[in-house]
Amino acid sequence: MPTPVYEELRRLAVEGKGRVRRQASVALKLAERCRIVPVETKEGETVDDLLVRLAGEWGCPVATNDRELRRRLRRRGVPTIFLRDLSHLEVEGHVE
């Protein structure tokens, strides 16, 4: 997980409202099982921009429930993994 993503989750788990706060807390628990990769954002680049860029550069799928981010990734042919009906994960796009 890129460091800016981890930092955003930490911020949302503390400062977020209701559902966003709960989702960020769950995502942080999952992130504890992952390796945090030191990555810097470019000037003016948002965390979503970073994820789109890294997914293209690294050739990897992105796990997110953010609809707009999923739409951006889909347009670029990047597979996404998302939570469906609060009960299972679904993969959209082709993963090799």
N, C-alpha and C. Protein backbone atom coordinates (compact mmCIF):
# COMPACT_ATOMS: atom_id res chain seq x y z
N MET A 1 0.85 -1.17 0.00
CA MET A 1 0.00 0.00 0.00
C MET A 1 0.90 1.24 0.00
N PRO A 2 0.66 2.15 -0.92
CA PRO A 2 1.45 3.39 -0.96
C PRO A 2 1.23 4.23 0.30
N THR A 3 2.29 4.86 0.77
CA THR A 3 2.20 5.65 2.01
C THR A 3 1.11 6.72 1.97
N PRO A 4 0.90 7.45 0.86
CA PRO A 4 -0.17 8.45 0.87
C PRO A 4 -1.55 7.84 1.10
N VAL A 5 -1.78 6.64 0.61
CA VAL A 5 -3.06 5.97 0.81
C VAL A 5 -3.22 5.62 2.29
N TYR A 6 -2.16 5.07 2.88
CA TYR A 6 -2.19 4.71 4.30
C TYR A 6 -2.46 5.96 5.16
N GLU A 7 -1.79 7.04 4.84
CA GLU A 7 -1.97 8.28 5.61
C GLU A 7 -3.40 8.83 5.46
N GLU A 8 -3.96 8.73 4.26
CA GLU A 8 -5.33 9.20 4.06
C GLU A 8 -6.32 8.34 4.87
N LEU A 9 -6.09 7.04 4.90
CA LEU A 9 -6.96 6.16 5.70
C LEU A 9 -6.85 6.51 7.19
N ARG A 10 -5.64 6.76 7.65
CA ARG A 10 -5.47 7.14 9.07
C ARG A 10 -6.22 8.44 9.37
N ARG A 11 -6.13 9.40 8.47
CA ARG A 11 -6.82 10.68 8.66
C ARG A 11 -8.33 10.48 8.67
N LEU A 12 -8.85 9.71 7.73
CA LEU A 12 -10.29 9.49 7.65
C LEU A 12 -10.82 8.70 8.84
N ALA A 13 -10.01 7.79 9.37
CA ALA A 13 -10.42 6.99 10.53
C ALA A 13 -10.58 7.87 11.78
N VAL A 14 -9.90 9.00 11.80
CA VAL A 14 -9.98 9.92 12.94
C VAL A 14 -10.95 11.07 12.66
N GLU A 15 -10.83 11.67 11.48
CA GLU A 15 -11.59 12.89 11.18
C GLU A 15 -12.87 12.65 10.38
N GLY A 16 -13.02 11.46 9.80
CA GLY A 16 -14.18 11.18 8.96
C GLY A 16 -15.48 11.15 9.74
N LYS A 17 -16.56 11.25 9.03
CA LYS A 17 -17.89 11.21 9.64
C LYS A 17 -18.52 9.84 9.44
N GLY A 18 -19.16 9.31 10.45
CA GLY A 18 -19.98 8.11 10.38
C GLY A 18 -19.43 6.96 9.55
N ARG A 19 -20.11 6.71 8.42
CA ARG A 19 -19.78 5.57 7.56
C ARG A 19 -18.34 5.63 7.04
N VAL A 20 -17.91 6.80 6.64
CA VAL A 20 -16.55 6.96 6.11
C VAL A 20 -15.53 6.59 7.18
N ARG A 21 -15.77 7.04 8.39
CA ARG A 21 -14.87 6.74 9.50
C ARG A 21 -14.79 5.23 9.76
N ARG A 22 -15.94 4.58 9.76
CA ARG A 22 -15.98 3.11 9.97
C ARG A 22 -15.27 2.38 8.85
N GLN A 23 -15.53 2.77 7.61
CA GLN A 23 -14.89 2.12 6.47
C GLN A 23 -13.38 2.30 6.51
N ALA A 24 -12.92 3.49 6.86
CA ALA A 24 -11.48 3.75 6.94
C ALA A 24 -10.85 2.92 8.05
N SER A 25 -11.54 2.76 9.16
CA SER A 25 -11.01 1.95 10.27
C SER A 25 -10.86 0.49 9.85
N VAL A 26 -11.85 -0.04 9.14
CA VAL A 26 -11.78 -1.43 8.65
C VAL A 26 -10.63 -1.55 7.65
N ALA A 27 -10.52 -0.59 6.75
CA ALA A 27 -9.44 -0.62 5.75
C ALA A 27 -8.07 -0.57 6.43
N LEU A 28 -7.94 0.19 7.50
CA LEU A 28 -6.67 0.25 8.23
C LEU A 28 -6.32 -1.09 8.84
N LYS A 29 -7.31 -1.80 9.35
CA LYS A 29 -7.05 -3.13 9.90
C LYS A 29 -6.55 -4.07 8.82
N LEU A 30 -7.12 -3.97 7.63
CA LEU A 30 -6.64 -4.78 6.51
C LEU A 30 -5.24 -4.35 6.09
N ALA A 31 -4.98 -3.05 6.14
CA ALA A 31 -3.69 -2.51 5.74
C ALA A 31 -2.56 -3.00 6.64
N GLU A 32 -2.88 -3.32 7.88
CA GLU A 32 -1.85 -3.82 8.79
C GLU A 32 -1.23 -5.12 8.29
N ARG A 33 -1.93 -5.81 7.42
CA ARG A 33 -1.44 -7.07 6.85
C ARG A 33 -0.59 -6.83 5.60
N CYS A 34 -0.54 -5.60 5.14
CA CYS A 34 0.16 -5.25 3.90
C CYS A 34 1.48 -4.55 4.18
N ARG A 35 2.31 -4.54 3.17
CA ARG A 35 3.56 -3.79 3.25
C ARG A 35 3.26 -2.36 2.80
N ILE A 36 3.74 -1.40 3.57
CA ILE A 36 3.57 0.01 3.22
C ILE A 36 4.77 0.41 2.35
N VAL A 37 4.48 0.87 1.15
CA VAL A 37 5.52 1.21 0.17
C VAL A 37 5.70 2.72 0.16
N PRO A 38 6.92 3.19 0.45
CA PRO A 38 7.15 4.63 0.44
C PRO A 38 7.07 5.19 -0.98
N VAL A 39 6.08 6.03 -1.20
CA VAL A 39 5.85 6.65 -2.51
C VAL A 39 5.46 8.10 -2.25
N GLU A 40 5.93 8.99 -3.08
CA GLU A 40 5.61 10.41 -2.96
C GLU A 40 4.62 10.79 -4.06
N THR A 41 3.70 11.67 -3.73
CA THR A 41 2.82 12.23 -4.76
C THR A 41 3.58 13.33 -5.49
N LYS A 42 3.24 13.49 -6.75
CA LYS A 42 3.82 14.58 -7.53
C LYS A 42 3.08 15.87 -7.18
N GLU A 43 3.66 17.00 -7.52
CA GLU A 43 3.04 18.28 -7.22
C GLU A 43 1.65 18.37 -7.83
N GLY A 44 0.66 18.69 -6.99
CA GLY A 44 -0.71 18.82 -7.45
C GLY A 44 -1.46 17.50 -7.63
N GLU A 45 -0.82 16.41 -7.31
CA GLU A 45 -1.42 15.08 -7.50
C GLU A 45 -2.21 14.66 -6.26
N THR A 46 -3.45 14.24 -6.45
CA THR A 46 -4.25 13.73 -5.35
C THR A 46 -3.92 12.27 -5.11
N VAL A 47 -4.42 11.72 -4.02
CA VAL A 47 -4.19 10.30 -3.74
C VAL A 47 -4.84 9.44 -4.83
N ASP A 48 -6.02 9.84 -5.30
CA ASP A 48 -6.66 9.10 -6.39
C ASP A 48 -5.81 9.16 -7.66
N ASP A 49 -5.26 10.34 -7.96
CA ASP A 49 -4.37 10.48 -9.13
C ASP A 49 -3.17 9.55 -8.98
N LEU A 50 -2.63 9.49 -7.77
CA LEU A 50 -1.48 8.62 -7.49
C LEU A 50 -1.84 7.17 -7.75
N LEU A 51 -3.01 6.73 -7.27
CA LEU A 51 -3.42 5.34 -7.46
C LEU A 51 -3.58 5.00 -8.93
N VAL A 52 -4.16 5.91 -9.70
CA VAL A 52 -4.32 5.68 -11.14
C VAL A 52 -2.95 5.56 -11.79
N ARG A 53 -2.05 6.46 -11.43
CA ARG A 53 -0.70 6.44 -12.00
C ARG A 53 0.05 5.16 -11.64
N LEU A 54 0.04 4.80 -10.35
CA LEU A 54 0.77 3.61 -9.91
C LEU A 54 0.18 2.33 -10.48
N ALA A 55 -1.14 2.24 -10.57
CA ALA A 55 -1.76 1.05 -11.15
C ALA A 55 -1.29 0.85 -12.59
N GLY A 56 -1.17 1.95 -13.32
CA GLY A 56 -0.66 1.86 -14.68
C GLY A 56 0.80 1.48 -14.74
N GLU A 57 1.61 2.12 -13.89
CA GLU A 57 3.05 1.85 -13.87
C GLU A 57 3.36 0.45 -13.37
N TRP A 58 2.67 0.03 -12.33
CA TRP A 58 2.96 -1.27 -11.70
C TRP A 58 2.16 -2.41 -12.31
N GLY A 59 1.13 -2.10 -13.09
CA GLY A 59 0.31 -3.15 -13.69
C GLY A 59 -0.45 -3.97 -12.67
N CYS A 60 -1.01 -3.30 -11.67
CA CYS A 60 -1.70 -4.03 -10.60
C CYS A 60 -3.14 -3.54 -10.45
N PRO A 61 -4.01 -4.41 -9.92
CA PRO A 61 -5.39 -3.98 -9.66
C PRO A 61 -5.43 -3.06 -8.45
N VAL A 62 -6.54 -2.36 -8.29
CA VAL A 62 -6.73 -1.45 -7.16
C VAL A 62 -7.99 -1.86 -6.41
N ALA A 63 -7.89 -1.97 -5.09
CA ALA A 63 -9.04 -2.27 -4.24
C ALA A 63 -9.62 -0.95 -3.74
N THR A 64 -10.88 -0.67 -4.10
CA THR A 64 -11.53 0.56 -3.67
C THR A 64 -13.04 0.43 -3.82
N ASN A 65 -13.77 1.12 -2.97
CA ASN A 65 -15.21 1.22 -3.13
C ASN A 65 -15.61 2.59 -3.66
N ASP A 66 -14.64 3.45 -3.94
CA ASP A 66 -14.89 4.79 -4.45
C ASP A 66 -15.36 4.69 -5.91
N ARG A 67 -16.60 5.05 -6.16
CA ARG A 67 -17.18 4.89 -7.50
C ARG A 67 -16.44 5.69 -8.57
N GLU A 68 -16.12 6.93 -8.26
CA GLU A 68 -15.45 7.76 -9.26
C GLU A 68 -14.05 7.22 -9.57
N LEU A 69 -13.34 6.77 -8.55
CA LEU A 69 -12.01 6.18 -8.78
C LEU A 69 -12.14 4.91 -9.60
N ARG A 70 -13.12 4.08 -9.29
CA ARG A 70 -13.33 2.85 -10.07
C ARG A 70 -13.63 3.20 -11.53
N ARG A 71 -14.41 4.23 -11.77
CA ARG A 71 -14.73 4.66 -13.13
C ARG A 71 -13.46 5.11 -13.87
N ARG A 72 -12.64 5.89 -13.20
CA ARG A 72 -11.37 6.35 -13.82
C ARG A 72 -10.48 5.16 -14.17
N LEU A 73 -10.39 4.21 -13.23
CA LEU A 73 -9.54 3.04 -13.46
C LEU A 73 -10.09 2.16 -14.59
N ARG A 74 -11.41 2.00 -14.63
CA ARG A 74 -12.05 1.20 -15.67
C ARG A 74 -11.75 1.78 -17.05
N ARG A 75 -11.80 3.12 -17.17
CA ARG A 75 -11.50 3.78 -18.45
C ARG A 75 -10.07 3.48 -18.91
N ARG A 76 -9.18 3.23 -17.96
CA ARG A 76 -7.78 2.94 -18.30
C ARG A 76 -7.51 1.44 -18.38
N GLY A 77 -8.54 0.62 -18.18
CA GLY A 77 -8.38 -0.83 -18.27
C GLY A 77 -7.74 -1.46 -17.04
N VAL A 78 -7.78 -0.76 -15.90
CA VAL A 78 -7.19 -1.28 -14.66
C VAL A 78 -8.26 -2.06 -13.90
N PRO A 79 -8.00 -3.32 -13.56
CA PRO A 79 -8.96 -4.09 -12.77
C PRO A 79 -9.13 -3.50 -11.37
N THR A 80 -10.36 -3.60 -10.86
CA THR A 80 -10.63 -3.12 -9.50
C THR A 80 -11.25 -4.23 -8.68
N ILE A 81 -11.02 -4.16 -7.38
CA ILE A 81 -11.58 -5.08 -6.42
C ILE A 81 -12.42 -4.23 -5.47
N PHE A 82 -13.67 -4.62 -5.25
CA PHE A 82 -14.54 -3.82 -4.39
C PHE A 82 -15.47 -4.71 -3.60
N LEU A 83 -16.00 -4.15 -2.52
CA LEU A 83 -16.91 -4.87 -1.64
C LEU A 83 -18.32 -4.77 -2.19
N ARG A 84 -18.96 -5.93 -2.36
CA ARG A 84 -20.33 -5.99 -2.89
C ARG A 84 -21.27 -6.44 -1.77
N ASP A 85 -22.33 -5.71 -1.55
CA ASP A 85 -23.37 -6.08 -0.58
C ASP A 85 -22.84 -6.35 0.82
N LEU A 86 -21.74 -5.71 1.19
CA LEU A 86 -21.14 -5.85 2.52
C LEU A 86 -20.81 -7.29 2.88
N SER A 87 -20.77 -8.18 1.88
CA SER A 87 -20.55 -9.58 2.21
C SER A 87 -19.47 -10.28 1.39
N HIS A 88 -19.14 -9.76 0.22
CA HIS A 88 -18.10 -10.42 -0.57
C HIS A 88 -17.38 -9.43 -1.49
N LEU A 89 -16.20 -9.84 -1.89
CA LEU A 89 -15.40 -9.02 -2.79
C LEU A 89 -15.72 -9.39 -4.22
N GLU A 90 -15.71 -8.40 -5.09
CA GLU A 90 -15.93 -8.64 -6.50
C GLU A 90 -14.78 -8.01 -7.28
N VAL A 91 -14.39 -8.67 -8.35
CA VAL A 91 -13.32 -8.16 -9.21
C VAL A 91 -13.96 -7.72 -10.52
N GLU A 92 -13.63 -6.50 -10.92
CA GLU A 92 -14.14 -5.96 -12.18
C GLU A 92 -12.95 -5.73 -13.09
N GLY A 93 -13.00 -6.30 -14.28
CA GLY A 93 -11.88 -6.20 -15.21
C GLY A 93 -11.06 -7.47 -15.17
N HIS A 94 -10.15 -7.58 -16.05
CA HIS A 94 -9.33 -8.80 -16.20
C HIS A 94 -8.09 -8.72 -15.33
N VAL A 95 -7.87 -9.72 -14.50
CA VAL A 95 -6.67 -9.81 -13.67
C VAL A 95 -5.91 -11.05 -14.09
N GLU A 96 -4.61 -10.86 -14.42
CA GLU A 96 -3.79 -12.02 -14.83
C GLU A 96 -3.04 -12.57 -13.67
